[in-house]
């Protein structure tokens, strides 16, 4: 089942982790507050154990979400090995940051990003 929602809240990037005086990493309070606001505004279903296709569109007036089950992949024989288990956004962030100053001046230039993990 496909679900779309517009969050009327100005988008903000996730803050980088901070370190406490005792050496513990924590998420900045502004980021925690923003994430809780988005979560509380979500009116859609919870997709459990499904591969998903998520499209996010950011503008000054808010965030547009389009989420739906991903189409099944064609079964292709794969070599034995480990599956990618990390969060897809973390894989993307590592590559985008690595290419800062190499492929582009800053990854802020990127206005469309499509990700896929198989």
PDB file of N, CA and C in Angstrom:
ATOM      1  N   UNK A   1       0.837  -1.164   0.000  1.00  0.00           N
ATOM      2  CA  UNK A   1       0.000   0.000   0.000  1.00  0.00           C
ATOM      3  C   UNK A   1       0.896   1.245   0.000  1.00  0.00           C
ATOM      4  N   UNK A   2       0.615   2.145  -0.905  1.00  0.00           N
ATOM      5  CA  UNK A   2       1.369   3.385  -1.033  1.00  0.00           C
ATOM      6  C   UNK A   2       0.809   4.429  -0.064  1.00  0.00           C
ATOM      7  N   UNK A   3       1.708   5.229   0.526  1.00  0.00           N
ATOM      8  CA  UNK A   3       1.281   6.286   1.431  1.00  0.00           C
ATOM      9  C   UNK A   3       2.064   7.556   1.131  1.00  0.00           C
ATOM     10  N   UNK A   4       1.356   8.671   1.087  1.00  0.00           N
ATOM     11  CA  UNK A   4       1.989   9.973   0.869  1.00  0.00           C
ATOM     12  C   UNK A   4       1.573  10.915   1.982  1.00  0.00           C
ATOM     13  N   UNK A   5       2.505  11.759   2.395  1.00  0.00           N
ATOM     14  CA  UNK A   5       2.197  12.759   3.421  1.00  0.00           C
ATOM     15  C   UNK A   5       3.131  13.947   3.243  1.00  0.00           C
ATOM     16  N   UNK A   6       2.600  15.129   3.538  1.00  0.00           N
ATOM     17  CA  UNK A   6       3.408  16.347   3.535  1.00  0.00           C
ATOM     18  C   UNK A   6       3.569  16.807   4.977  1.00  0.00           C
ATOM     19  N   UNK A   7       4.810  16.982   5.396  1.00  0.00           N
ATOM     20  CA  UNK A   7       5.112  17.473   6.740  1.00  0.00           C
ATOM     21  C   UNK A   7       5.379  18.971   6.622  1.00  0.00           C
ATOM     22  N   UNK A   8       4.498  19.768   7.175  1.00  0.00           N
ATOM     23  CA  UNK A   8       4.658  21.214   7.103  1.00  0.00           C
ATOM     24  C   UNK A   8       5.611  21.667   8.202  1.00  0.00           C
ATOM     25  N   UNK A   9       6.867  21.402   7.972  1.00  0.00           N
ATOM     26  CA  UNK A   9       7.932  21.738   8.914  1.00  0.00           C
ATOM     27  C   UNK A   9       9.198  21.961   8.088  1.00  0.00           C
ATOM     28  N   UNK A  10       9.902  23.016   8.387  1.00  0.00           N
ATOM     29  CA  UNK A  10      11.108  23.325   7.609  1.00  0.00           C
ATOM     30  C   UNK A  10      12.140  22.202   7.784  1.00  0.00           C
ATOM     31  N   UNK A  11      12.639  21.668   6.674  1.00  0.00           N
ATOM     32  CA  UNK A  11      13.636  20.599   6.762  1.00  0.00           C
ATOM     33  C   UNK A  11      14.921  21.087   7.434  1.00  0.00           C
ATOM     34  N   UNK A  12      15.543  20.183   8.133  1.00  0.00           N
ATOM     35  CA  UNK A  12      16.847  20.493   8.719  1.00  0.00           C
ATOM     36  C   UNK A  12      17.716  19.242   8.631  1.00  0.00           C
ATOM     37  N   UNK A  13      19.001  19.441   8.430  1.00  0.00           N
ATOM     38  CA  UNK A  13      19.895  18.281   8.347  1.00  0.00           C
ATOM     39  C   UNK A  13      20.123  17.677   9.726  1.00  0.00           C
ATOM     40  N   UNK A  14      20.448  16.406   9.739  1.00  0.00           N
ATOM     41  CA  UNK A  14      20.756  15.744  11.007  1.00  0.00           C
ATOM     42  C   UNK A  14      22.071  16.299  11.534  1.00  0.00           C
ATOM     43  N   UNK A  15      22.073  16.703  12.790  1.00  0.00           N
ATOM     44  CA  UNK A  15      23.288  17.235  13.404  1.00  0.00           C
ATOM     45  C   UNK A  15      24.316  16.145  13.619  1.00  0.00           C
ATOM     46  N   UNK A  16      25.549  16.523  13.524  1.00  0.00           N
ATOM     47  CA  UNK A  16      26.630  15.554  13.755  1.00  0.00           C
ATOM     48  C   UNK A  16      26.653  15.158  15.238  1.00  0.00           C
ATOM     49  N   UNK A  17      27.050  13.932  15.524  1.00  0.00           N
ATOM     50  CA  UNK A  17      27.123  13.510  16.928  1.00  0.00           C
ATOM     51  C   UNK A  17      28.059  14.420  17.726  1.00  0.00           C
ATOM     52  N   UNK A  18      27.721  14.615  18.974  1.00  0.00           N
ATOM     53  CA  UNK A  18      28.532  15.424  19.883  1.00  0.00           C
ATOM     54  C   UNK A  18      29.144  14.493  20.929  1.00  0.00           C
ATOM     55  N   UNK A  19      30.166  14.982  21.580  1.00  0.00           N
ATOM     56  CA  UNK A  19      30.807  14.208  22.642  1.00  0.00           C
ATOM     57  C   UNK A  19      30.577  14.902  23.981  1.00  0.00           C
ATOM     58  N   UNK A  20      30.182  14.122  24.962  1.00  0.00           N
ATOM     59  CA  UNK A  20      30.005  14.663  26.309  1.00  0.00           C
ATOM     60  C   UNK A  20      31.386  14.829  26.944  1.00  0.00           C
ATOM     61  N   UNK A  21      31.473  15.590  28.022  1.00  0.00           N
ATOM     62  CA  UNK A  21      32.766  15.735  28.714  1.00  0.00           C
ATOM     63  C   UNK A  21      33.346  14.388  29.168  1.00  0.00           C
ATOM     64  N   UNK A  22      32.462  13.400  29.376  1.00  0.00           N
ATOM     65  CA  UNK A  22      32.929  12.078  29.801  1.00  0.00           C
ATOM     66  C   UNK A  22      33.267  11.166  28.629  1.00  0.00           C
ATOM     67  N   UNK A  23      33.144  11.684  27.390  1.00  0.00           N
ATOM     68  CA  UNK A  23      33.542  10.910  26.220  1.00  0.00           C
ATOM     69  C   UNK A  23      32.441  10.087  25.572  1.00  0.00           C
ATOM     70  N   UNK A  24      31.181  10.331  25.930  1.00  0.00           N
ATOM     71  CA  UNK A  24      30.073   9.601  25.329  1.00  0.00           C
ATOM     72  C   UNK A  24      29.507  10.399  24.153  1.00  0.00           C
ATOM     73  N   UNK A  25      29.209   9.715  23.067  1.00  0.00           N
ATOM     74  CA  UNK A  25      28.610  10.377  21.905  1.00  0.00           C
ATOM     75  C   UNK A  25      27.107  10.515  22.118  1.00  0.00           C
ATOM     76  N   UNK A  26      26.561  11.637  21.691  1.00  0.00           N
ATOM     77  CA  UNK A  26      25.118  11.842  21.782  1.00  0.00           C
ATOM     78  C   UNK A  26      24.639  12.681  20.602  1.00  0.00           C
ATOM     79  N   UNK A  27      23.355  12.547  20.295  1.00  0.00           N
ATOM     80  CA  UNK A  27      22.732  13.313  19.224  1.00  0.00           C
ATOM     81  C   UNK A  27      22.374  14.694  19.755  1.00  0.00           C
ATOM     82  N   UNK A  28      22.659  15.764  18.988  1.00  0.00           N
ATOM     83  CA  UNK A  28      22.333  17.109  19.449  1.00  0.00           C
ATOM     84  C   UNK A  28      20.844  17.250  19.777  1.00  0.00           C
ATOM     85  N   UNK A  29      20.501  17.983  20.828  1.00  0.00           N
ATOM     86  CA  UNK A  29      19.099  18.136  21.243  1.00  0.00           C
ATOM     87  C   UNK A  29      18.182  18.674  20.138  1.00  0.00           C
ATOM     88  N   UNK A  30      18.700  19.581  19.274  1.00  0.00           N
ATOM     89  CA  UNK A  30      17.877  20.130  18.184  1.00  0.00           C
ATOM     90  C   UNK A  30      17.463  19.025  17.218  1.00  0.00           C
ATOM     91  N   UNK A  31      18.382  18.100  16.964  1.00  0.00           N
ATOM     92  CA  UNK A  31      18.088  16.984  16.061  1.00  0.00           C
ATOM     93  C   UNK A  31      17.070  16.047  16.703  1.00  0.00           C
ATOM     94  N   UNK A  32      17.232  15.752  17.978  1.00  0.00           N
ATOM     95  CA  UNK A  32      16.287  14.878  18.691  1.00  0.00           C
ATOM     96  C   UNK A  32      14.888  15.485  18.633  1.00  0.00           C
ATOM     97  N   UNK A  33      14.783  16.777  18.882  1.00  0.00           N
ATOM     98  CA  UNK A  33      13.488  17.468  18.852  1.00  0.00           C
ATOM     99  C   UNK A  33      12.861  17.399  17.461  1.00  0.00           C
ATOM    100  N   UNK A  34      13.639  17.657  16.429  1.00  0.00           N
ATOM    101  CA  UNK A  34      13.143  17.612  15.043  1.00  0.00           C
ATOM    102  C   UNK A  34      12.648  16.210  14.689  1.00  0.00           C
ATOM    103  N   UNK A  35      13.433  15.195  15.012  1.00  0.00           N
ATOM    104  CA  UNK A  35      13.053  13.813  14.691  1.00  0.00           C
ATOM    105  C   UNK A  35      11.775  13.411  15.426  1.00  0.00           C
ATOM    106  N   UNK A  36      11.625  13.832  16.685  1.00  0.00           N
ATOM    107  CA  UNK A  36      10.402  13.523  17.432  1.00  0.00           C
ATOM    108  C   UNK A  36       9.190  14.222  16.816  1.00  0.00           C
ATOM    109  N   UNK A  37       9.376  15.443  16.327  1.00  0.00           N
ATOM    110  CA  UNK A  37       8.273  16.169  15.692  1.00  0.00           C
ATOM    111  C   UNK A  37       7.818  15.449  14.426  1.00  0.00           C
ATOM    112  N   UNK A  38       8.762  15.032  13.593  1.00  0.00           N
ATOM    113  CA  UNK A  38       8.420  14.302  12.361  1.00  0.00           C
ATOM    114  C   UNK A  38       7.688  13.014  12.728  1.00  0.00           C
ATOM    115  N   UNK A  39       8.209  12.263  13.681  1.00  0.00           N
ATOM    116  CA  UNK A  39       7.592  10.996  14.086  1.00  0.00           C
ATOM    117  C   UNK A  39       6.171  11.209  14.596  1.00  0.00           C
ATOM    118  N   UNK A  40       5.956  12.259  15.366  1.00  0.00           N
ATOM    119  CA  UNK A  40       4.618  12.506  15.920  1.00  0.00           C
ATOM    120  C   UNK A  40       3.632  12.975  14.853  1.00  0.00           C
ATOM    121  N   UNK A  41       4.121  13.559  13.776  1.00  0.00           N
ATOM    122  CA  UNK A  41       3.260  14.052  12.697  1.00  0.00           C
ATOM    123  C   UNK A  41       2.875  12.937  11.709  1.00  0.00           C
ATOM    124  N   UNK A  42       3.641  11.839  11.684  1.00  0.00           N
ATOM    125  CA  UNK A  42       3.404  10.767  10.711  1.00  0.00           C
ATOM    126  C   UNK A  42       2.050  10.121  10.954  1.00  0.00           C
ATOM    127  N   UNK A  43       1.253  10.021   9.893  1.00  0.00           N
ATOM    128  CA  UNK A  43      -0.109   9.486   9.996  1.00  0.00           C
ATOM    129  C   UNK A  43      -0.302   8.181   9.240  1.00  0.00           C
ATOM    130  N   UNK A  44       0.747   7.624   8.724  1.00  0.00           N
ATOM    131  CA  UNK A  44       0.629   6.448   7.872  1.00  0.00           C
ATOM    132  C   UNK A  44       0.799   5.139   8.605  1.00  0.00           C
ATOM    133  N   UNK A  45       0.790   4.071   7.813  1.00  0.00           N
ATOM    134  CA  UNK A  45       0.931   2.726   8.392  1.00  0.00           C
ATOM    135  C   UNK A  45       2.381   2.428   8.753  1.00  0.00           C
ATOM    136  N   UNK A  46       2.556   1.395   9.540  1.00  0.00           N
ATOM    137  CA  UNK A  46       3.897   0.884   9.817  1.00  0.00           C
ATOM    138  C   UNK A  46       4.104  -0.315   8.901  1.00  0.00           C
ATOM    139  N   UNK A  47       5.121  -0.223   8.070  1.00  0.00           N
ATOM    140  CA  UNK A  47       5.446  -1.318   7.160  1.00  0.00           C
ATOM    141  C   UNK A  47       6.394  -2.256   7.883  1.00  0.00           C
ATOM    142  N   UNK A  48       5.973  -3.502   8.042  1.00  0.00           N
ATOM    143  CA  UNK A  48       6.804  -4.465   8.757  1.00  0.00           C
ATOM    144  C   UNK A  48       7.326  -5.524   7.806  1.00  0.00           C
ATOM    145  N   UNK A  49       8.598  -5.812   7.920  1.00  0.00           N
ATOM    146  CA  UNK A  49       9.241  -6.868   7.133  1.00  0.00           C
ATOM    147  C   UNK A  49       8.973  -6.732   5.642  1.00  0.00           C
ATOM    148  N   UNK A  50       9.013  -5.509   5.126  1.00  0.00           N
ATOM    149  CA  UNK A  50       8.828  -5.273   3.695  1.00  0.00           C
ATOM    150  C   UNK A  50       9.989  -4.449   3.176  1.00  0.00           C
ATOM    151  N   UNK A  51      10.391  -4.749   1.961  1.00  0.00           N
ATOM    152  CA  UNK A  51      11.353  -3.890   1.277  1.00  0.00           C
ATOM    153  C   UNK A  51      10.578  -2.661   0.828  1.00  0.00           C
ATOM    154  N   UNK A  52      11.149  -1.480   1.023  1.00  0.00           N
ATOM    155  CA  UNK A  52      10.408  -0.254   0.757  1.00  0.00           C
ATOM    156  C   UNK A  52      11.106   0.653  -0.243  1.00  0.00           C
ATOM    157  N   UNK A  53      10.311   1.424  -0.932  1.00  0.00           N
ATOM    158  CA  UNK A  53      10.783   2.493  -1.801  1.00  0.00           C
ATOM    159  C   UNK A  53      10.295   3.793  -1.163  1.00  0.00           C
ATOM    160  N   UNK A  54      11.222   4.667  -0.795  1.00  0.00           N
ATOM    161  CA  UNK A  54      10.883   5.920  -0.120  1.00  0.00           C
ATOM    162  C   UNK A  54      11.401   7.077  -0.967  1.00  0.00           C
ATOM    163  N   UNK A  55      10.536   8.033  -1.232  1.00  0.00           N
ATOM    164  CA  UNK A  55      10.928   9.236  -1.942  1.00  0.00           C
ATOM    165  C   UNK A  55      10.656  10.419  -1.024  1.00  0.00           C
ATOM    166  N   UNK A  56      11.670  11.196  -0.753  1.00  0.00           N
ATOM    167  CA  UNK A  56      11.533  12.393   0.070  1.00  0.00           C
ATOM    168  C   UNK A  56      11.833  13.607  -0.796  1.00  0.00           C
ATOM    169  N   UNK A  57      10.991  14.607  -0.681  1.00  0.00           N
ATOM    170  CA  UNK A  57      11.202  15.850  -1.425  1.00  0.00           C
ATOM    171  C   UNK A  57      11.207  16.992  -0.416  1.00  0.00           C
ATOM    172  N   UNK A  58      12.299  17.745  -0.401  1.00  0.00           N
ATOM    173  CA  UNK A  58      12.479  18.807   0.576  1.00  0.00           C
ATOM    174  C   UNK A  58      12.277  20.170  -0.079  1.00  0.00           C
ATOM    175  N   UNK A  59      11.555  21.050   0.601  1.00  0.00           N
ATOM    176  CA  UNK A  59      11.382  22.428   0.145  1.00  0.00           C
ATOM    177  C   UNK A  59      11.349  23.326   1.372  1.00  0.00           C
ATOM    178  N   UNK A  60      11.358  24.622   1.146  1.00  0.00           N
ATOM    179  CA  UNK A  60      11.326  25.548   2.278  1.00  0.00           C
ATOM    180  C   UNK A  60      10.048  25.403   3.093  1.00  0.00           C
ATOM    181  N   UNK A  61       8.976  24.944   2.443  1.00  0.00           N
ATOM    182  CA  UNK A  61       7.694  24.847   3.153  1.00  0.00           C
ATOM    183  C   UNK A  61       7.497  23.512   3.857  1.00  0.00           C
ATOM    184  N   UNK A  62       8.327  22.524   3.580  1.00  0.00           N
ATOM    185  CA  UNK A  62       8.176  21.259   4.270  1.00  0.00           C
ATOM    186  C   UNK A  62       8.823  20.078   3.577  1.00  0.00           C
ATOM    187  N   UNK A  63       8.415  18.895   4.024  1.00  0.00           N
ATOM    188  CA  UNK A  63       8.964  17.629   3.526  1.00  0.00           C
ATOM    189  C   UNK A  63       7.827  16.787   2.971  1.00  0.00           C
ATOM    190  N   UNK A  64       7.980  16.343   1.737  1.00  0.00           N
ATOM    191  CA  UNK A  64       6.988  15.481   1.102  1.00  0.00           C
ATOM    192  C   UNK A  64       7.512  14.041   1.144  1.00  0.00           C
ATOM    193  N   UNK A  65       6.704  13.144   1.676  1.00  0.00           N
ATOM    194  CA  UNK A  65       7.064  11.728   1.811  1.00  0.00           C
ATOM    195  C   UNK A  65       6.180  10.888   0.906  1.00  0.00           C
ATOM    196  N   UNK A  66       6.786   9.991   0.158  1.00  0.00           N
ATOM    197  CA  UNK A  66       6.066   9.011  -0.653  1.00  0.00           C
ATOM    198  C   UNK A  66       6.723   7.668  -0.346  1.00  0.00           C
ATOM    199  N   UNK A  67       5.958   6.767   0.273  1.00  0.00           N
ATOM    200  CA  UNK A  67       6.522   5.477   0.696  1.00  0.00           C
ATOM    201  C   UNK A  67       5.617   4.355   0.213  1.00  0.00           C
ATOM    202  N   UNK A  68       6.253   3.296  -0.300  1.00  0.00           N
ATOM    203  CA  UNK A  68       5.473   2.153  -0.792  1.00  0.00           C
ATOM    204  C   UNK A  68       6.358   0.911  -0.808  1.00  0.00           C
ATOM    205  N   UNK A  69       5.726  -0.246  -0.780  1.00  0.00           N
ATOM    206  CA  UNK A  69       6.511  -1.474  -0.893  1.00  0.00           C
ATOM    207  C   UNK A  69       7.282  -1.490  -2.218  1.00  0.00           C
ATOM    208  N   UNK A  70       8.513  -1.941  -2.170  1.00  0.00           N
ATOM    209  CA  UNK A  70       9.335  -2.037  -3.375  1.00  0.00           C
ATOM    210  C   UNK A  70       8.894  -3.226  -4.199  1.00  0.00           C
ATOM    211  N   UNK A  71       9.023  -3.076  -5.484  1.00  0.00           N
ATOM    212  CA  UNK A  71       8.694  -4.195  -6.368  1.00  0.00           C
ATOM    213  C   UNK A  71       9.682  -5.319  -6.106  1.00  0.00           C
ATOM    214  N   UNK A  72       9.206  -6.554  -6.164  1.00  0.00           N
ATOM    215  CA  UNK A  72      10.115  -7.683  -5.914  1.00  0.00           C
ATOM    216  C   UNK A  72      11.251  -7.697  -6.936  1.00  0.00           C
ATOM    217  N   UNK A  73      12.440  -8.014  -6.456  1.00  0.00           N
ATOM    218  CA  UNK A  73      13.579  -8.134  -7.349  1.00  0.00           C
ATOM    219  C   UNK A  73      13.495  -9.445  -8.108  1.00  0.00           C
ATOM    220  N   UNK A  74      13.976  -9.425  -9.328  1.00  0.00           N
ATOM    221  CA  UNK A  74      14.077 -10.675 -10.073  1.00  0.00           C
ATOM    222  C   UNK A  74      15.127 -11.523  -9.391  1.00  0.00           C
ATOM    223  N   UNK A  75      14.835 -12.781  -9.261  1.00  0.00           N
ATOM    224  CA  UNK A  75      15.769 -13.663  -8.580  1.00  0.00           C
ATOM    225  C   UNK A  75      16.979 -13.916  -9.477  1.00  0.00           C
ATOM    226  N   UNK A  76      18.123 -13.532  -8.990  1.00  0.00           N
ATOM    227  CA  UNK A  76      19.376 -13.718  -9.705  1.00  0.00           C
ATOM    228  C   UNK A  76      20.310 -14.462  -8.779  1.00  0.00           C
ATOM    229  N   UNK A  77      20.986 -15.445  -9.316  1.00  0.00           N
ATOM    230  CA  UNK A  77      21.931 -16.184  -8.490  1.00  0.00           C
ATOM    231  C   UNK A  77      23.063 -15.255  -8.097  1.00  0.00           C
ATOM    232  N   UNK A  78      23.328 -15.213  -6.808  1.00  0.00           N
ATOM    233  CA  UNK A  78      24.406 -14.372  -6.309  1.00  0.00           C
ATOM    234  C   UNK A  78      25.501 -15.246  -5.740  1.00  0.00           C
ATOM    235  N   UNK A  79      26.690 -14.712  -5.762  1.00  0.00           N
ATOM    236  CA  UNK A  79      27.799 -15.411  -5.122  1.00  0.00           C
ATOM    237  C   UNK A  79      27.553 -15.422  -3.618  1.00  0.00           C
ATOM    238  N   UNK A  80      28.025 -16.459  -2.977  1.00  0.00           N
ATOM    239  CA  UNK A  80      27.877 -16.541  -1.523  1.00  0.00           C
ATOM    240  C   UNK A  80      28.632 -15.382  -0.880  1.00  0.00           C
ATOM    241  N   UNK A  81      28.045 -14.827   0.122  1.00  0.00           N
ATOM    242  CA  UNK A  81      28.697 -13.710   0.800  1.00  0.00           C
ATOM    243  C   UNK A  81      27.724 -13.032   1.749  1.00  0.00           C
ATOM    244  N   UNK A  82      28.226 -12.017   2.421  1.00  0.00           N
ATOM    245  CA  UNK A  82      27.393 -11.302   3.378  1.00  0.00           C
ATOM    246  C   UNK A  82      26.509 -10.298   2.667  1.00  0.00           C
ATOM    247  N   UNK A  83      25.316 -10.123   3.199  1.00  0.00           N
ATOM    248  CA  UNK A  83      24.419  -9.096   2.699  1.00  0.00           C
ATOM    249  C   UNK A  83      24.811  -7.761   3.311  1.00  0.00           C
ATOM    250  N   UNK A  84      24.437  -6.688   2.643  1.00  0.00           N
ATOM    251  CA  UNK A  84      24.643  -5.367   3.213  1.00  0.00           C
ATOM    252  C   UNK A  84      23.593  -5.161   4.285  1.00  0.00           C
ATOM    253  N   UNK A  85      24.021  -4.958   5.505  1.00  0.00           N
ATOM    254  CA  UNK A  85      23.059  -4.852   6.592  1.00  0.00           C
ATOM    255  C   UNK A  85      22.957  -3.451   7.176  1.00  0.00           C
ATOM    256  N   UNK A  86      23.839  -2.548   6.768  1.00  0.00           N
ATOM    257  CA  UNK A  86      23.824  -1.194   7.315  1.00  0.00           C
ATOM    258  C   UNK A  86      22.695  -0.355   6.741  1.00  0.00           C
ATOM    259  N   UNK A  87      22.460   0.806   7.367  1.00  0.00           N
ATOM    260  CA  UNK A  87      21.446   1.737   6.881  1.00  0.00           C
ATOM    261  C   UNK A  87      21.902   2.343   5.561  1.00  0.00           C
ATOM    262  N   UNK A  88      21.008   2.384   4.603  1.00  0.00           N
ATOM    263  CA  UNK A  88      21.350   2.863   3.268  1.00  0.00           C
ATOM    264  C   UNK A  88      21.833   4.310   3.289  1.00  0.00           C
ATOM    265  N   UNK A  89      21.266   5.133   4.162  1.00  0.00           N
ATOM    266  CA  UNK A  89      21.689   6.541   4.215  1.00  0.00           C
ATOM    267  C   UNK A  89      23.120   6.671   4.732  1.00  0.00           C
ATOM    268  N   UNK A  90      23.550   5.757   5.578  1.00  0.00           N
ATOM    269  CA  UNK A  90      24.928   5.805   6.062  1.00  0.00           C
ATOM    270  C   UNK A  90      25.922   5.402   4.973  1.00  0.00           C
ATOM    271  N   UNK A  91      25.550   4.429   4.140  1.00  0.00           N
ATOM    272  CA  UNK A  91      26.394   4.078   2.994  1.00  0.00           C
ATOM    273  C   UNK A  91      26.532   5.287   2.070  1.00  0.00           C
ATOM    274  N   UNK A  92      25.406   5.954   1.785  1.00  0.00           N
ATOM    275  CA  UNK A  92      25.418   7.109   0.889  1.00  0.00           C
ATOM    276  C   UNK A  92      26.252   8.244   1.468  1.00  0.00           C
ATOM    277  N   UNK A  93      26.076   8.519   2.752  1.00  0.00           N
ATOM    278  CA  UNK A  93      26.800   9.621   3.393  1.00  0.00           C
ATOM    279  C   UNK A  93      28.309   9.430   3.282  1.00  0.00           C
ATOM    280  N   UNK A  94      28.787   8.209   3.457  1.00  0.00           N
ATOM    281  CA  UNK A  94      30.223   7.944   3.371  1.00  0.00           C
ATOM    282  C   UNK A  94      30.765   8.261   1.980  1.00  0.00           C
ATOM    283  N   UNK A  95      30.049   7.841   0.947  1.00  0.00           N
ATOM    284  CA  UNK A  95      30.496   8.084  -0.430  1.00  0.00           C
ATOM    285  C   UNK A  95      30.400   9.571  -0.778  1.00  0.00           C
ATOM    286  N   UNK A  96      29.277  10.207  -0.413  1.00  0.00           N
ATOM    287  CA  UNK A  96      29.093  11.627  -0.722  1.00  0.00           C
ATOM    288  C   UNK A  96      30.152  12.487  -0.037  1.00  0.00           C
ATOM    289  N   UNK A  97      30.441  12.194   1.221  1.00  0.00           N
ATOM    290  CA  UNK A  97      31.468  12.946   1.941  1.00  0.00           C
ATOM    291  C   UNK A  97      32.851  12.712   1.330  1.00  0.00           C
ATOM    292  N   UNK A  98      33.126  11.485   0.900  1.00  0.00           N
ATOM    293  CA  UNK A  98      34.420  11.175   0.296  1.00  0.00           C
ATOM    294  C   UNK A  98      34.646  11.961  -0.993  1.00  0.00           C
ATOM    295  N   UNK A  99      33.567  12.250  -1.713  1.00  0.00           N
ATOM    296  CA  UNK A  99      33.688  12.942  -2.996  1.00  0.00           C
ATOM    297  C   UNK A  99      33.648  14.468  -2.871  1.00  0.00           C
ATOM    298  N   UNK A 100      33.446  14.984  -1.638  1.00  0.00           N
ATOM    299  CA  UNK A 100      33.518  16.432  -1.419  1.00  0.00           C
ATOM    300  C   UNK A 100      34.891  16.932  -1.852  1.00  0.00           C
ATOM    301  N   UNK A 101      34.925  17.970  -2.692  1.00  0.00           N
ATOM    302  CA  UNK A 101      36.185  18.530  -3.148  1.00  0.00           C
ATOM    303  C   UNK A 101      36.856  17.728  -4.236  1.00  0.00           C
ATOM    304  N   UNK A 102      36.279  16.564  -4.587  1.00  0.00           N
ATOM    305  CA  UNK A 102      36.846  15.719  -5.637  1.00  0.00           C
ATOM    306  C   UNK A 102      35.916  15.710  -6.853  1.00  0.00           C
ATOM    307  N   UNK A 103      34.680  15.269  -6.645  1.00  0.00           N
ATOM    308  CA  UNK A 103      33.706  15.227  -7.735  1.00  0.00           C
ATOM    309  C   UNK A 103      32.877  16.509  -7.786  1.00  0.00           C
ATOM    310  N   UNK A 104      32.816  17.226  -6.676  1.00  0.00           N
ATOM    311  CA  UNK A 104      32.063  18.472  -6.555  1.00  0.00           C
ATOM    312  C   UNK A 104      32.650  19.262  -5.396  1.00  0.00           C
ATOM    313  N   UNK A 105      32.323  20.556  -5.359  1.00  0.00           N
ATOM    314  CA  UNK A 105      32.850  21.393  -4.276  1.00  0.00           C
ATOM    315  C   UNK A 105      32.303  20.974  -2.918  1.00  0.00           C
ATOM    316  N   UNK A 106      31.008  20.720  -2.854  1.00  0.00           N
ATOM    317  CA  UNK A 106      30.364  20.363  -1.594  1.00  0.00           C
ATOM    318  C   UNK A 106      29.114  19.550  -1.904  1.00  0.00           C
ATOM    319  N   UNK A 107      28.814  18.544  -1.075  1.00  0.00           N
ATOM    320  CA  UNK A 107      27.632  17.726  -1.356  1.00  0.00           C
ATOM    321  C   UNK A 107      26.326  18.487  -1.153  1.00  0.00           C
ATOM    322  N   UNK A 108      26.392  19.737  -0.709  1.00  0.00           N
ATOM    323  CA  UNK A 108      25.197  20.584  -0.670  1.00  0.00           C
ATOM    324  C   UNK A 108      24.675  20.847  -2.084  1.00  0.00           C
ATOM    325  N   UNK A 109      25.526  20.657  -3.093  1.00  0.00           N
ATOM    326  CA  UNK A 109      25.127  20.873  -4.483  1.00  0.00           C
ATOM    327  C   UNK A 109      24.140  19.813  -4.958  1.00  0.00           C
ATOM    328  N   UNK A 110      24.114  18.668  -4.324  1.00  0.00           N
ATOM    329  CA  UNK A 110      23.259  17.560  -4.762  1.00  0.00           C
ATOM    330  C   UNK A 110      21.814  17.884  -4.417  1.00  0.00           C
ATOM    331  N   UNK A 111      20.953  17.871  -5.434  1.00  0.00           N
ATOM    332  CA  UNK A 111      19.539  18.180  -5.210  1.00  0.00           C
ATOM    333  C   UNK A 111      18.630  16.982  -5.456  1.00  0.00           C
ATOM    334  N   UNK A 112      19.138  15.945  -6.071  1.00  0.00           N
ATOM    335  CA  UNK A 112      18.386  14.700  -6.249  1.00  0.00           C
ATOM    336  C   UNK A 112      19.329  13.552  -5.890  1.00  0.00           C
ATOM    337  N   UNK A 113      18.856  12.662  -5.030  1.00  0.00           N
ATOM    338  CA  UNK A 113      19.648  11.514  -4.611  1.00  0.00           C
ATOM    339  C   UNK A 113      18.747  10.300  -4.571  1.00  0.00           C
ATOM    340  N   UNK A 114      19.038   9.309  -5.381  1.00  0.00           N
ATOM    341  CA  UNK A 114      18.258   8.069  -5.382  1.00  0.00           C
ATOM    342  C   UNK A 114      19.185   6.959  -4.882  1.00  0.00           C
ATOM    343  N   UNK A 115      18.698   6.183  -3.944  1.00  0.00           N
ATOM    344  CA  UNK A 115      19.507   5.128  -3.333  1.00  0.00           C
ATOM    345  C   UNK A 115      18.827   3.786  -3.516  1.00  0.00           C
ATOM    346  N   UNK A 116      19.633   2.755  -3.628  1.00  0.00           N
ATOM    347  CA  UNK A 116      19.087   1.400  -3.740  1.00  0.00           C
ATOM    348  C   UNK A 116      20.075   0.448  -3.102  1.00  0.00           C
ATOM    349  N   UNK A 117      19.566  -0.511  -2.364  1.00  0.00           N
ATOM    350  CA  UNK A 117      20.405  -1.514  -1.720  1.00  0.00           C
ATOM    351  C   UNK A 117      19.824  -2.876  -2.077  1.00  0.00           C
ATOM    352  N   UNK A 118      20.670  -3.754  -2.555  1.00  0.00           N
ATOM    353  CA  UNK A 118      20.182  -5.102  -2.906  1.00  0.00           C
ATOM    354  C   UNK A 118      20.901  -6.142  -2.086  1.00  0.00           C
TER     355      UNK A 118
END
